[in-house]
N, C-alpha and C. Protein backbone atom coordinates (compact mmCIF):
# COMPACT_ATOMS: atom_id res chain seq x y z
N MET A 1 -20.33 39.53 -112.03
CA MET A 1 -20.20 38.16 -111.45
C MET A 1 -20.25 38.25 -109.94
N LEU A 2 -20.79 37.22 -109.33
CA LEU A 2 -20.81 37.19 -107.87
C LEU A 2 -19.53 36.64 -107.35
N LEU A 3 -19.12 37.09 -106.15
CA LEU A 3 -17.89 36.66 -105.51
C LEU A 3 -18.22 35.48 -104.64
N THR A 4 -17.50 34.39 -104.82
CA THR A 4 -17.69 33.17 -103.98
C THR A 4 -16.51 33.07 -103.01
N ASP A 5 -16.81 33.20 -101.70
CA ASP A 5 -15.74 33.18 -100.69
C ASP A 5 -15.04 31.83 -100.65
N SER A 6 -13.81 31.85 -100.18
CA SER A 6 -12.99 30.67 -99.90
C SER A 6 -12.70 29.78 -101.14
N ILE A 7 -12.82 30.37 -102.31
CA ILE A 7 -12.49 29.69 -103.56
C ILE A 7 -11.34 30.45 -104.18
N LEU A 8 -10.32 29.71 -104.61
CA LEU A 8 -9.15 30.32 -105.14
C LEU A 8 -9.20 30.39 -106.67
N LEU A 9 -9.00 31.52 -107.22
CA LEU A 9 -8.96 31.68 -108.67
C LEU A 9 -7.53 32.00 -109.02
N VAL A 10 -6.94 31.21 -109.91
CA VAL A 10 -5.50 31.39 -110.26
C VAL A 10 -5.40 31.74 -111.72
N PHE A 11 -4.70 32.84 -111.97
CA PHE A 11 -4.34 33.22 -113.35
C PHE A 11 -2.87 32.97 -113.51
N ALA A 12 -2.36 32.84 -114.73
CA ALA A 12 -0.94 32.56 -114.89
C ALA A 12 -0.34 33.34 -115.97
N THR A 13 0.92 33.70 -115.80
CA THR A 13 1.72 34.32 -116.82
C THR A 13 3.04 33.65 -116.79
N THR A 14 4.01 34.10 -117.59
CA THR A 14 5.31 33.49 -117.59
C THR A 14 6.41 34.50 -117.56
N ALA A 15 7.64 34.05 -117.44
CA ALA A 15 8.73 34.96 -117.34
C ALA A 15 9.41 35.28 -118.71
N THR A 16 8.70 35.15 -119.78
CA THR A 16 9.25 35.50 -121.05
C THR A 16 9.40 36.98 -121.22
N ALA A 17 10.38 37.37 -121.96
CA ALA A 17 10.61 38.83 -122.28
C ALA A 17 10.97 39.59 -121.03
N LEU A 18 12.04 39.20 -120.34
CA LEU A 18 12.51 39.92 -119.17
C LEU A 18 13.45 41.01 -119.57
N PRO A 19 13.70 41.95 -118.65
CA PRO A 19 14.69 43.00 -118.99
C PRO A 19 16.06 42.40 -119.16
N GLN A 20 16.91 43.13 -119.93
CA GLN A 20 18.29 42.65 -120.10
C GLN A 20 19.01 42.84 -118.78
N TRP A 21 19.71 41.82 -118.40
CA TRP A 21 20.50 41.86 -117.17
C TRP A 21 21.77 40.98 -117.29
N SER A 22 22.88 41.60 -117.42
CA SER A 22 24.12 40.87 -117.73
C SER A 22 24.60 39.99 -116.56
N GLY A 23 24.02 40.23 -115.40
CA GLY A 23 24.43 39.47 -114.20
C GLY A 23 23.93 38.06 -114.11
N PHE A 24 23.23 37.59 -115.17
CA PHE A 24 22.68 36.27 -115.14
C PHE A 24 23.39 35.41 -116.21
N PRO A 25 24.62 34.99 -115.93
CA PRO A 25 25.38 34.22 -116.95
C PRO A 25 24.67 32.94 -117.34
N GLY A 26 24.53 32.70 -118.61
CA GLY A 26 24.01 31.47 -119.10
C GLY A 26 22.51 31.40 -119.11
N TRP A 27 21.82 32.44 -118.64
CA TRP A 27 20.37 32.47 -118.63
C TRP A 27 19.94 33.47 -119.73
N PRO A 28 19.17 32.98 -120.70
CA PRO A 28 18.70 33.90 -121.75
C PRO A 28 17.68 34.87 -121.27
N ILE A 29 17.99 36.16 -121.44
CA ILE A 29 17.05 37.18 -121.03
C ILE A 29 16.82 38.09 -122.18
N GLY A 30 15.63 38.19 -122.64
CA GLY A 30 15.34 39.01 -123.83
C GLY A 30 14.56 40.31 -123.53
N GLY A 31 14.48 41.15 -124.49
CA GLY A 31 13.84 42.43 -124.30
C GLY A 31 12.44 42.49 -124.93
N GLY A 32 12.08 41.51 -125.79
CA GLY A 32 10.76 41.52 -126.38
C GLY A 32 10.48 40.23 -127.10
N GLY A 33 9.23 39.81 -127.25
CA GLY A 33 8.87 38.59 -127.87
C GLY A 33 9.26 37.41 -127.06
N THR A 34 9.72 36.37 -127.66
CA THR A 34 10.10 35.11 -126.94
C THR A 34 11.57 35.03 -126.91
N THR A 35 12.16 34.87 -125.77
CA THR A 35 13.61 34.74 -125.61
C THR A 35 14.09 33.38 -126.13
N SER A 36 15.24 33.33 -126.75
CA SER A 36 15.80 32.10 -127.19
C SER A 36 16.11 31.19 -126.05
N GLY A 37 15.47 30.06 -125.99
CA GLY A 37 15.68 29.15 -124.85
C GLY A 37 14.95 29.53 -123.59
N GLY A 38 14.15 30.64 -123.63
CA GLY A 38 13.51 31.06 -122.44
C GLY A 38 12.10 30.51 -122.30
N SER A 39 11.28 31.13 -121.47
CA SER A 39 9.97 30.60 -121.18
C SER A 39 8.92 31.01 -122.21
N THR A 40 7.98 30.15 -122.47
CA THR A 40 6.84 30.46 -123.31
C THR A 40 5.58 29.91 -122.66
N GLY A 41 4.49 30.50 -122.97
CA GLY A 41 3.21 29.98 -122.44
C GLY A 41 2.55 29.00 -123.34
N THR A 42 1.24 28.83 -123.15
CA THR A 42 0.53 27.80 -123.92
C THR A 42 -0.72 28.37 -124.48
N THR A 43 -0.60 29.46 -125.23
CA THR A 43 -1.78 30.15 -125.76
C THR A 43 -2.62 29.18 -126.62
N GLY A 44 -3.89 29.22 -126.37
CA GLY A 44 -4.85 28.41 -127.18
C GLY A 44 -4.94 26.92 -126.70
N THR A 45 -4.18 26.56 -125.70
CA THR A 45 -4.23 25.19 -125.24
C THR A 45 -4.75 25.13 -123.83
N THR A 46 -5.88 24.48 -123.61
CA THR A 46 -6.46 24.41 -122.30
C THR A 46 -6.13 23.04 -121.66
N ALA A 47 -5.43 23.11 -120.54
CA ALA A 47 -5.11 21.86 -119.81
C ALA A 47 -6.18 21.60 -118.81
N PRO A 48 -6.28 20.40 -118.29
CA PRO A 48 -7.22 20.10 -117.24
C PRO A 48 -7.03 21.02 -116.03
N THR A 49 -8.08 21.61 -115.53
CA THR A 49 -8.02 22.47 -114.37
C THR A 49 -7.62 21.66 -113.15
N GLY A 50 -6.79 22.27 -112.30
CA GLY A 50 -6.44 21.63 -111.07
C GLY A 50 -4.98 21.80 -110.72
N SER A 51 -4.64 21.57 -109.45
CA SER A 51 -3.27 21.84 -108.95
C SER A 51 -2.24 20.93 -109.49
N SER A 52 -2.67 19.76 -110.02
CA SER A 52 -1.66 18.78 -110.53
C SER A 52 -1.16 19.19 -111.91
N SER A 53 -1.83 20.09 -112.60
CA SER A 53 -1.45 20.49 -113.91
C SER A 53 -0.39 21.55 -113.87
N ASN A 54 0.46 21.61 -114.91
CA ASN A 54 1.49 22.71 -114.96
C ASN A 54 0.92 23.89 -115.79
N THR A 55 -0.34 23.84 -116.12
CA THR A 55 -0.98 24.92 -116.84
C THR A 55 -2.31 25.26 -116.14
N ALA A 56 -2.59 26.55 -116.01
CA ALA A 56 -3.82 27.02 -115.38
C ALA A 56 -4.60 27.85 -116.37
N ASN A 57 -5.93 27.78 -116.40
CA ASN A 57 -6.64 28.35 -117.53
C ASN A 57 -7.98 29.03 -117.15
N ASP A 58 -7.99 30.08 -116.30
CA ASP A 58 -9.25 30.70 -116.00
C ASP A 58 -9.41 32.13 -116.50
N VAL A 59 -8.32 32.88 -116.68
CA VAL A 59 -8.47 34.25 -116.99
C VAL A 59 -9.18 34.53 -118.36
N THR A 60 -8.70 33.88 -119.39
CA THR A 60 -9.30 34.09 -120.66
C THR A 60 -10.63 33.35 -120.79
N ASN A 61 -10.83 32.37 -119.94
CA ASN A 61 -12.10 31.67 -119.91
C ASN A 61 -13.17 32.43 -119.13
N LYS A 62 -12.74 33.47 -118.43
CA LYS A 62 -13.64 34.31 -117.63
C LYS A 62 -14.45 33.43 -116.65
N ALA A 63 -13.70 32.69 -115.87
CA ALA A 63 -14.31 31.82 -114.88
C ALA A 63 -15.02 32.65 -113.81
N PRO A 64 -16.01 32.06 -113.06
CA PRO A 64 -16.69 32.77 -112.02
C PRO A 64 -15.73 33.38 -111.01
N CYS A 65 -16.12 34.51 -110.44
CA CYS A 65 -15.28 35.22 -109.52
C CYS A 65 -14.97 34.43 -108.26
N LYS A 66 -13.77 34.66 -107.73
CA LYS A 66 -13.34 33.97 -106.52
C LYS A 66 -12.76 35.02 -105.57
N ALA A 67 -12.54 34.65 -104.33
CA ALA A 67 -12.08 35.58 -103.33
C ALA A 67 -10.65 36.00 -103.54
N ILE A 68 -9.82 35.16 -104.08
CA ILE A 68 -8.36 35.42 -104.28
C ILE A 68 -8.02 35.13 -105.77
N THR A 69 -7.25 36.03 -106.33
CA THR A 69 -6.71 35.80 -107.67
C THR A 69 -5.22 35.81 -107.55
N VAL A 70 -4.57 34.68 -107.81
CA VAL A 70 -3.18 34.55 -107.83
C VAL A 70 -2.63 34.58 -109.27
N ILE A 71 -1.75 35.52 -109.57
CA ILE A 71 -1.14 35.58 -110.94
C ILE A 71 0.31 35.12 -110.75
N PHE A 72 0.62 34.02 -111.40
CA PHE A 72 1.92 33.38 -111.18
C PHE A 72 2.82 33.42 -112.42
N ALA A 73 4.07 33.72 -112.23
CA ALA A 73 5.06 33.71 -113.32
C ALA A 73 6.07 32.63 -113.09
N ARG A 74 6.15 31.66 -114.01
CA ARG A 74 7.03 30.51 -113.81
C ARG A 74 8.49 30.93 -114.18
N GLY A 75 9.40 30.05 -113.88
CA GLY A 75 10.78 30.27 -114.23
C GLY A 75 11.10 29.96 -115.66
N THR A 76 12.17 30.46 -116.18
CA THR A 76 12.57 30.23 -117.54
C THR A 76 12.80 28.71 -117.79
N GLY A 77 12.21 28.21 -118.91
CA GLY A 77 12.40 26.82 -119.27
C GLY A 77 11.44 25.86 -118.64
N GLU A 78 10.61 26.34 -117.70
CA GLU A 78 9.67 25.40 -117.10
C GLU A 78 8.50 25.10 -118.04
N SER A 79 7.89 24.02 -117.84
CA SER A 79 6.79 23.60 -118.75
C SER A 79 5.49 24.28 -118.36
N GLY A 80 4.51 24.24 -119.33
CA GLY A 80 3.19 24.84 -119.04
C GLY A 80 3.32 26.36 -118.82
N ASN A 81 2.39 26.88 -118.04
CA ASN A 81 2.52 28.31 -117.72
C ASN A 81 2.61 28.59 -116.22
N ILE A 82 2.62 27.52 -115.41
CA ILE A 82 2.93 27.71 -113.96
C ILE A 82 4.08 26.81 -113.54
N GLY A 83 4.70 26.14 -114.51
CA GLY A 83 5.91 25.39 -114.21
C GLY A 83 5.66 24.14 -113.39
N SER A 84 6.72 23.68 -112.76
CA SER A 84 6.62 22.45 -111.96
C SER A 84 7.29 22.52 -110.60
N VAL A 85 8.25 23.46 -110.44
CA VAL A 85 9.01 23.51 -109.16
C VAL A 85 8.14 23.93 -108.01
N ILE A 86 7.34 24.99 -108.19
CA ILE A 86 6.53 25.49 -107.06
C ILE A 86 5.10 25.78 -107.46
N GLY A 87 4.87 26.20 -108.76
CA GLY A 87 3.47 26.63 -109.13
C GLY A 87 2.40 25.64 -108.77
N PRO A 88 2.43 24.39 -109.29
CA PRO A 88 1.38 23.42 -108.95
C PRO A 88 1.30 23.12 -107.47
N LYS A 89 2.42 23.03 -106.82
CA LYS A 89 2.46 22.73 -105.39
C LYS A 89 1.84 23.85 -104.56
N LEU A 90 2.09 25.15 -104.98
CA LEU A 90 1.46 26.22 -104.33
C LEU A 90 -0.09 26.13 -104.46
N LEU A 91 -0.56 25.77 -105.64
CA LEU A 91 -2.02 25.67 -105.88
C LEU A 91 -2.60 24.56 -104.99
N SER A 92 -1.89 23.45 -104.89
CA SER A 92 -2.39 22.35 -104.07
C SER A 92 -2.53 22.81 -102.61
N ALA A 93 -1.50 23.54 -102.10
CA ALA A 93 -1.51 23.97 -100.73
C ALA A 93 -2.60 25.02 -100.54
N LEU A 94 -2.89 25.85 -101.55
CA LEU A 94 -3.96 26.83 -101.43
C LEU A 94 -5.33 26.16 -101.50
N GLN A 95 -5.43 25.07 -102.26
CA GLN A 95 -6.63 24.28 -102.27
C GLN A 95 -6.95 23.80 -100.84
N ALA A 96 -5.96 23.28 -100.19
CA ALA A 96 -6.14 22.75 -98.86
C ALA A 96 -6.51 23.85 -97.84
N LYS A 97 -5.97 25.05 -98.10
CA LYS A 97 -6.14 26.11 -97.16
C LYS A 97 -7.36 26.90 -97.34
N VAL A 98 -7.74 27.24 -98.57
CA VAL A 98 -8.87 28.12 -98.82
C VAL A 98 -9.95 27.59 -99.73
N GLY A 99 -9.72 26.43 -100.35
CA GLY A 99 -10.78 25.88 -101.20
C GLY A 99 -10.24 25.43 -102.53
N ALA A 100 -11.16 25.18 -103.48
CA ALA A 100 -10.78 24.63 -104.75
C ALA A 100 -10.01 25.60 -105.57
N ALA A 101 -9.16 25.12 -106.48
CA ALA A 101 -8.34 25.97 -107.31
C ALA A 101 -8.68 25.76 -108.77
N LYS A 102 -8.65 26.87 -109.53
CA LYS A 102 -8.81 26.81 -110.97
C LYS A 102 -7.73 27.64 -111.56
N GLY A 103 -7.65 27.72 -112.91
CA GLY A 103 -6.53 28.47 -113.48
C GLY A 103 -6.76 28.98 -114.87
N ASN A 104 -5.75 29.62 -115.44
CA ASN A 104 -5.83 30.22 -116.78
C ASN A 104 -4.51 30.21 -117.48
N SER A 105 -4.49 29.84 -118.75
CA SER A 105 -3.26 29.82 -119.51
C SER A 105 -3.13 31.05 -120.40
N ASN A 106 -1.97 31.66 -120.47
CA ASN A 106 -1.72 32.74 -121.36
C ASN A 106 -0.26 32.71 -121.73
N GLN A 107 0.08 33.16 -122.91
CA GLN A 107 1.44 33.23 -123.31
C GLN A 107 2.10 34.41 -122.67
N GLY A 108 3.33 34.28 -122.16
CA GLY A 108 4.02 35.33 -121.48
C GLY A 108 4.90 36.11 -122.42
N GLY A 109 4.36 36.66 -123.45
CA GLY A 109 5.16 37.35 -124.46
C GLY A 109 5.71 38.69 -124.02
N THR A 110 5.13 39.26 -122.96
CA THR A 110 5.54 40.57 -122.51
C THR A 110 5.82 40.66 -121.01
N GLY A 111 6.04 39.50 -120.36
CA GLY A 111 6.46 39.48 -118.99
C GLY A 111 5.61 40.27 -118.04
N GLY A 112 6.20 41.36 -117.42
CA GLY A 112 5.51 42.16 -116.49
C GLY A 112 4.25 42.79 -117.03
N ALA A 113 4.32 43.17 -118.27
CA ALA A 113 3.09 43.85 -118.87
C ALA A 113 1.94 42.87 -118.93
N LEU A 114 2.18 41.59 -119.18
CA LEU A 114 1.13 40.62 -119.19
C LEU A 114 0.56 40.40 -117.81
N MET A 115 1.47 40.30 -116.78
CA MET A 115 0.96 40.11 -115.45
C MET A 115 0.11 41.32 -115.00
N THR A 116 0.59 42.56 -115.39
CA THR A 116 -0.22 43.77 -115.08
C THR A 116 -1.59 43.67 -115.77
N SER A 117 -1.60 43.33 -117.06
CA SER A 117 -2.85 43.22 -117.77
C SER A 117 -3.79 42.20 -117.18
N LEU A 118 -3.29 41.03 -116.72
CA LEU A 118 -4.11 40.06 -116.13
C LEU A 118 -4.71 40.55 -114.78
N ALA A 119 -3.88 41.27 -114.00
CA ALA A 119 -4.38 41.76 -112.73
C ALA A 119 -5.52 42.77 -112.98
N GLN A 120 -5.32 43.63 -113.90
CA GLN A 120 -6.35 44.65 -114.29
C GLN A 120 -7.61 43.96 -114.82
N GLN A 121 -7.42 42.95 -115.65
CA GLN A 121 -8.59 42.22 -116.20
C GLN A 121 -9.36 41.52 -115.07
N ALA A 122 -8.62 40.87 -114.14
CA ALA A 122 -9.24 40.18 -113.07
C ALA A 122 -10.12 41.12 -112.24
N LEU A 123 -9.62 42.34 -111.97
CA LEU A 123 -10.36 43.31 -111.18
C LEU A 123 -11.55 43.89 -111.94
N GLN A 124 -11.39 43.96 -113.26
CA GLN A 124 -12.57 44.43 -114.08
C GLN A 124 -13.66 43.40 -114.05
N GLN A 125 -13.31 42.13 -114.12
CA GLN A 125 -14.30 41.05 -114.11
C GLN A 125 -14.81 40.83 -112.73
N CYS A 126 -13.94 40.95 -111.71
CA CYS A 126 -14.28 40.61 -110.33
C CYS A 126 -13.74 41.69 -109.42
N PRO A 127 -14.44 42.81 -109.23
CA PRO A 127 -13.91 43.92 -108.48
C PRO A 127 -13.57 43.65 -107.03
N SER A 128 -14.19 42.61 -106.46
CA SER A 128 -13.92 42.31 -105.01
C SER A 128 -12.83 41.30 -104.78
N THR A 129 -12.22 40.73 -105.85
CA THR A 129 -11.21 39.72 -105.68
C THR A 129 -9.91 40.37 -105.17
N LYS A 130 -9.15 39.61 -104.43
CA LYS A 130 -7.87 40.12 -103.94
C LYS A 130 -6.73 39.55 -104.76
N ILE A 131 -5.93 40.46 -105.32
CA ILE A 131 -4.86 40.07 -106.23
C ILE A 131 -3.58 39.71 -105.47
N VAL A 132 -3.02 38.54 -105.79
CA VAL A 132 -1.71 38.14 -105.24
C VAL A 132 -0.80 37.85 -106.40
N LEU A 133 0.32 38.55 -106.40
CA LEU A 133 1.32 38.34 -107.44
C LEU A 133 2.38 37.30 -106.94
N SER A 134 2.71 36.36 -107.79
CA SER A 134 3.69 35.33 -107.35
C SER A 134 4.55 34.96 -108.54
N GLY A 135 5.81 34.54 -108.23
CA GLY A 135 6.68 34.12 -109.31
C GLY A 135 7.88 33.32 -108.72
N TYR A 136 8.49 32.54 -109.61
CA TYR A 136 9.63 31.70 -109.24
C TYR A 136 10.75 32.06 -110.14
N SER A 137 11.96 32.17 -109.56
CA SER A 137 13.22 32.43 -110.31
C SER A 137 13.09 33.70 -111.14
N GLN A 138 13.31 33.60 -112.44
CA GLN A 138 13.18 34.79 -113.26
C GLN A 138 11.75 35.31 -113.28
N GLY A 139 10.78 34.49 -112.89
CA GLY A 139 9.41 35.00 -112.69
C GLY A 139 9.38 36.09 -111.59
N GLY A 140 10.39 36.13 -110.78
CA GLY A 140 10.50 37.18 -109.79
C GLY A 140 10.62 38.55 -110.47
N PHE A 141 11.42 38.61 -111.55
CA PHE A 141 11.51 39.85 -112.31
C PHE A 141 10.15 40.33 -112.74
N VAL A 142 9.30 39.41 -113.18
CA VAL A 142 7.95 39.75 -113.68
C VAL A 142 7.14 40.39 -112.53
N VAL A 143 7.24 39.80 -111.33
CA VAL A 143 6.52 40.38 -110.20
C VAL A 143 6.94 41.79 -109.88
N HIS A 144 8.25 41.97 -109.83
CA HIS A 144 8.76 43.31 -109.53
C HIS A 144 8.31 44.34 -110.59
N LYS A 145 8.39 43.90 -111.85
CA LYS A 145 8.00 44.82 -112.95
C LYS A 145 6.51 45.13 -112.87
N ALA A 146 5.69 44.13 -112.68
CA ALA A 146 4.28 44.32 -112.67
C ALA A 146 3.83 45.17 -111.46
N GLY A 147 4.47 45.01 -110.32
CA GLY A 147 4.11 45.77 -109.14
C GLY A 147 4.22 47.24 -109.36
N SER A 148 5.21 47.66 -110.09
CA SER A 148 5.44 49.08 -110.35
C SER A 148 4.39 49.64 -111.26
N SER A 149 3.59 48.80 -111.94
CA SER A 149 2.55 49.35 -112.83
C SER A 149 1.15 49.25 -112.20
N LEU A 150 1.08 48.89 -110.94
CA LEU A 150 -0.27 48.70 -110.35
C LEU A 150 -0.49 49.64 -109.23
N SER A 151 -0.07 50.91 -109.34
CA SER A 151 -0.30 51.89 -108.28
C SER A 151 -1.78 52.18 -108.07
N ALA A 152 -2.54 52.14 -109.14
CA ALA A 152 -3.97 52.46 -109.04
C ALA A 152 -4.78 51.33 -108.38
N THR A 153 -4.26 50.13 -108.53
CA THR A 153 -4.91 48.92 -107.98
C THR A 153 -3.89 48.05 -107.27
N PRO A 154 -3.37 48.44 -106.17
CA PRO A 154 -2.27 47.69 -105.53
C PRO A 154 -2.68 46.26 -105.21
N PRO A 155 -1.70 45.35 -105.40
CA PRO A 155 -1.97 43.91 -105.07
C PRO A 155 -2.20 43.77 -103.56
N ALA A 156 -2.91 42.72 -103.13
CA ALA A 156 -3.05 42.43 -101.75
C ALA A 156 -1.75 41.87 -101.13
N ALA A 157 -0.99 41.15 -101.97
CA ALA A 157 0.22 40.54 -101.47
C ALA A 157 1.07 40.13 -102.66
N ALA A 158 2.34 39.78 -102.35
CA ALA A 158 3.26 39.22 -103.35
C ALA A 158 4.10 38.16 -102.68
N VAL A 159 4.30 37.05 -103.37
CA VAL A 159 5.07 35.91 -102.86
C VAL A 159 6.03 35.49 -103.97
N ILE A 160 7.34 35.50 -103.65
CA ILE A 160 8.38 35.19 -104.69
C ILE A 160 9.30 34.08 -104.14
N PHE A 161 9.69 33.17 -105.01
CA PHE A 161 10.52 32.07 -104.68
C PHE A 161 11.84 32.15 -105.51
N GLY A 162 13.02 32.12 -104.82
CA GLY A 162 14.28 32.16 -105.55
C GLY A 162 14.43 33.39 -106.43
N ASP A 163 14.13 34.56 -105.85
CA ASP A 163 14.04 35.81 -106.54
C ASP A 163 15.44 36.41 -106.82
N PRO A 164 15.83 36.62 -108.10
CA PRO A 164 17.12 37.27 -108.40
C PRO A 164 17.18 38.68 -107.81
N GLN A 165 16.05 39.31 -107.53
CA GLN A 165 16.02 40.62 -106.93
C GLN A 165 15.63 40.58 -105.48
N ASN A 166 15.89 39.48 -104.82
CA ASN A 166 15.66 39.33 -103.42
C ASN A 166 16.33 40.45 -102.63
N GLY A 167 15.58 41.08 -101.73
CA GLY A 167 16.05 42.17 -100.96
C GLY A 167 15.53 43.50 -101.47
N SER A 168 14.99 43.52 -102.67
CA SER A 168 14.37 44.73 -103.21
C SER A 168 12.90 44.67 -102.98
N PRO A 169 12.28 45.81 -102.68
CA PRO A 169 10.85 45.87 -102.45
C PRO A 169 10.07 45.61 -103.80
N VAL A 170 8.84 45.25 -103.69
CA VAL A 170 7.93 45.17 -104.81
C VAL A 170 7.05 46.41 -104.70
N ALA A 171 7.09 47.28 -105.71
CA ALA A 171 6.39 48.55 -105.66
C ALA A 171 4.90 48.26 -105.42
N ASN A 172 4.30 49.14 -104.60
CA ASN A 172 2.88 49.12 -104.31
C ASN A 172 2.41 47.88 -103.52
N VAL A 173 3.41 47.18 -102.93
CA VAL A 173 3.13 46.05 -101.99
C VAL A 173 3.86 46.38 -100.69
N PRO A 174 3.17 46.65 -99.56
CA PRO A 174 3.84 46.92 -98.29
C PRO A 174 4.74 45.77 -97.91
N ALA A 175 5.81 46.10 -97.19
CA ALA A 175 6.80 45.08 -96.79
C ALA A 175 6.17 43.94 -96.06
N ALA A 176 5.16 44.24 -95.25
CA ALA A 176 4.52 43.17 -94.44
C ALA A 176 3.69 42.23 -95.31
N ASP A 177 3.40 42.66 -96.53
CA ASP A 177 2.56 41.85 -97.43
C ASP A 177 3.37 41.18 -98.56
N LEU A 178 4.70 41.28 -98.43
CA LEU A 178 5.62 40.63 -99.35
C LEU A 178 6.37 39.49 -98.66
N LYS A 179 6.34 38.33 -99.28
CA LYS A 179 7.04 37.16 -98.70
C LYS A 179 8.05 36.66 -99.71
N GLU A 180 9.33 36.64 -99.35
CA GLU A 180 10.42 36.13 -100.20
C GLU A 180 10.94 34.87 -99.63
N TYR A 181 11.04 33.84 -100.44
CA TYR A 181 11.68 32.57 -100.06
C TYR A 181 12.98 32.42 -100.76
N CYS A 182 14.06 32.30 -99.99
CA CYS A 182 15.41 32.14 -100.57
C CYS A 182 16.08 30.97 -99.76
N ALA A 183 16.20 29.83 -100.37
CA ALA A 183 16.74 28.68 -99.67
C ALA A 183 18.23 28.85 -99.44
N ALA A 184 18.67 28.31 -98.33
CA ALA A 184 20.10 28.31 -98.01
C ALA A 184 20.89 27.65 -99.15
N GLY A 185 21.94 28.30 -99.65
CA GLY A 185 22.75 27.77 -100.71
C GLY A 185 22.24 28.08 -102.10
N ASP A 186 21.16 28.86 -102.22
CA ASP A 186 20.65 29.24 -103.53
C ASP A 186 21.36 30.51 -103.98
N GLY A 187 22.25 30.35 -104.96
CA GLY A 187 23.05 31.47 -105.46
C GLY A 187 22.30 32.44 -106.36
N VAL A 188 21.03 32.12 -106.70
CA VAL A 188 20.22 32.98 -107.51
C VAL A 188 19.69 34.17 -106.68
N CYS A 189 19.33 33.80 -105.43
CA CYS A 189 18.70 34.84 -104.58
C CYS A 189 19.54 35.18 -103.33
N GLY A 190 20.52 34.31 -103.01
CA GLY A 190 21.28 34.48 -101.78
C GLY A 190 22.62 35.12 -102.00
N THR A 191 23.51 35.04 -100.97
CA THR A 191 24.82 35.58 -101.00
C THR A 191 25.82 34.46 -100.82
N PRO A 192 26.86 34.41 -101.72
CA PRO A 192 27.08 35.28 -102.84
C PRO A 192 26.15 34.94 -104.02
N ARG A 193 25.89 35.88 -104.89
CA ARG A 193 25.04 35.70 -106.07
C ARG A 193 25.88 35.09 -107.21
N THR A 194 25.83 33.78 -107.23
CA THR A 194 26.59 33.03 -108.25
C THR A 194 25.72 32.78 -109.47
N TYR A 195 24.41 32.80 -109.31
CA TYR A 195 23.43 32.50 -110.35
C TYR A 195 23.56 31.12 -110.98
N GLN A 196 24.09 30.20 -110.15
CA GLN A 196 24.16 28.83 -110.56
C GLN A 196 22.88 28.07 -110.11
N ILE A 197 22.38 27.23 -110.93
CA ILE A 197 21.16 26.50 -110.60
C ILE A 197 21.54 25.23 -109.80
N THR A 198 21.33 25.30 -108.49
CA THR A 198 21.68 24.20 -107.65
C THR A 198 20.39 23.49 -107.09
N ALA A 199 20.58 22.44 -106.28
CA ALA A 199 19.46 21.78 -105.69
C ALA A 199 18.66 22.71 -104.83
N ALA A 200 19.32 23.69 -104.18
CA ALA A 200 18.58 24.62 -103.36
C ALA A 200 17.58 25.45 -104.16
N HIS A 201 17.97 25.78 -105.41
CA HIS A 201 17.06 26.63 -106.24
C HIS A 201 15.86 25.77 -106.73
N LEU A 202 15.94 24.49 -106.63
CA LEU A 202 14.81 23.64 -107.08
C LEU A 202 14.01 23.09 -105.90
N SER A 203 14.24 23.67 -104.71
CA SER A 203 13.65 23.11 -103.51
C SER A 203 12.40 23.79 -103.05
N TYR A 204 11.89 24.75 -103.78
CA TYR A 204 10.81 25.61 -103.21
C TYR A 204 9.45 24.98 -103.09
N GLY A 205 9.29 23.79 -103.64
CA GLY A 205 8.05 23.07 -103.31
C GLY A 205 7.92 22.79 -101.83
N ASN A 206 8.99 22.79 -101.10
CA ASN A 206 8.95 22.62 -99.66
C ASN A 206 8.29 23.80 -98.95
N ASN A 207 8.18 24.93 -99.61
CA ASN A 207 7.63 26.12 -99.05
C ASN A 207 6.15 26.37 -99.37
N ALA A 208 5.54 25.46 -100.10
CA ALA A 208 4.22 25.69 -100.59
C ALA A 208 3.20 25.88 -99.48
N SER A 209 3.23 25.06 -98.45
CA SER A 209 2.27 25.16 -97.39
C SER A 209 2.44 26.51 -96.61
N ASP A 210 3.67 26.85 -96.31
CA ASP A 210 3.92 28.08 -95.59
C ASP A 210 3.45 29.29 -96.48
N ALA A 211 3.68 29.22 -97.78
CA ALA A 211 3.28 30.36 -98.63
C ALA A 211 1.74 30.47 -98.69
N ALA A 212 1.07 29.28 -98.69
CA ALA A 212 -0.38 29.29 -98.71
C ALA A 212 -0.92 29.89 -97.40
N ASN A 213 -0.30 29.56 -96.27
CA ASN A 213 -0.68 30.18 -95.03
C ASN A 213 -0.48 31.67 -95.03
N PHE A 214 0.60 32.11 -95.61
CA PHE A 214 0.86 33.54 -95.66
C PHE A 214 -0.22 34.28 -96.49
N ILE A 215 -0.51 33.69 -97.67
CA ILE A 215 -1.55 34.31 -98.53
C ILE A 215 -2.88 34.35 -97.81
N SER A 216 -3.24 33.31 -97.12
CA SER A 216 -4.50 33.25 -96.39
C SER A 216 -4.53 34.34 -95.33
N THR A 217 -3.45 34.46 -94.57
CA THR A 217 -3.37 35.45 -93.52
C THR A 217 -3.46 36.87 -94.01
N VAL A 218 -2.68 37.18 -95.04
CA VAL A 218 -2.62 38.54 -95.57
C VAL A 218 -3.97 38.94 -96.22
N THR A 219 -4.59 38.00 -96.91
CA THR A 219 -5.84 38.36 -97.59
C THR A 219 -7.03 38.25 -96.69
N GLY A 220 -6.92 37.51 -95.61
CA GLY A 220 -8.00 37.24 -94.68
C GLY A 220 -8.98 36.27 -95.18
N VAL A 221 -8.60 35.41 -96.19
CA VAL A 221 -9.47 34.44 -96.76
C VAL A 221 -9.10 33.04 -96.20
N THR A 222 -10.10 32.37 -95.65
CA THR A 222 -9.91 31.01 -95.14
C THR A 222 -11.01 30.10 -95.66
N ALA A 223 -10.85 28.80 -95.46
CA ALA A 223 -11.88 27.88 -95.96
C ALA A 223 -13.18 28.06 -95.22
């Protein structure tokens, strides 16, 4: 496939099947399959392409190659496969910054393993695309887990919102290419770690434009 500059290709995964972590009271975290009350994807269901949708559907559809591939992991309980708090807003901001956005739906049955698989598939189909890993809330776990499995094909960047592992590096992503957003008062990523879902934890749509600028700068892709 030919690479088309300044067009954003978005793939999506979810935060299902995260590692066990007792420090997250009240949040279901499973070790395999679908967690009770946790996130699930939308396998076999294609939603309208575009940033207003909570589902993105390009990876399994093998859409034409684009300059940037964003693989996004939504938070537990969010709808679709890119959620609603930041996923669609990030795509809108990237549309404005680097061009049109498309997407792909997949079920997140294996969390980090799925994100890793999608990154590898994207590079097989489009060797020149730049991979950006992104996640919200428990989707941050997925980014950290996937990063450690991509030593042979390091991501160009990683962007995480409300990350429970905020402060920890993402393996195979240089510190300068990692952007963490942690809103003041968010006990999921801030201090003290209360892991209570407050208005601050739901505010990351406000960071969409800044995150898009960061991705554009790090990847060198502009409109």
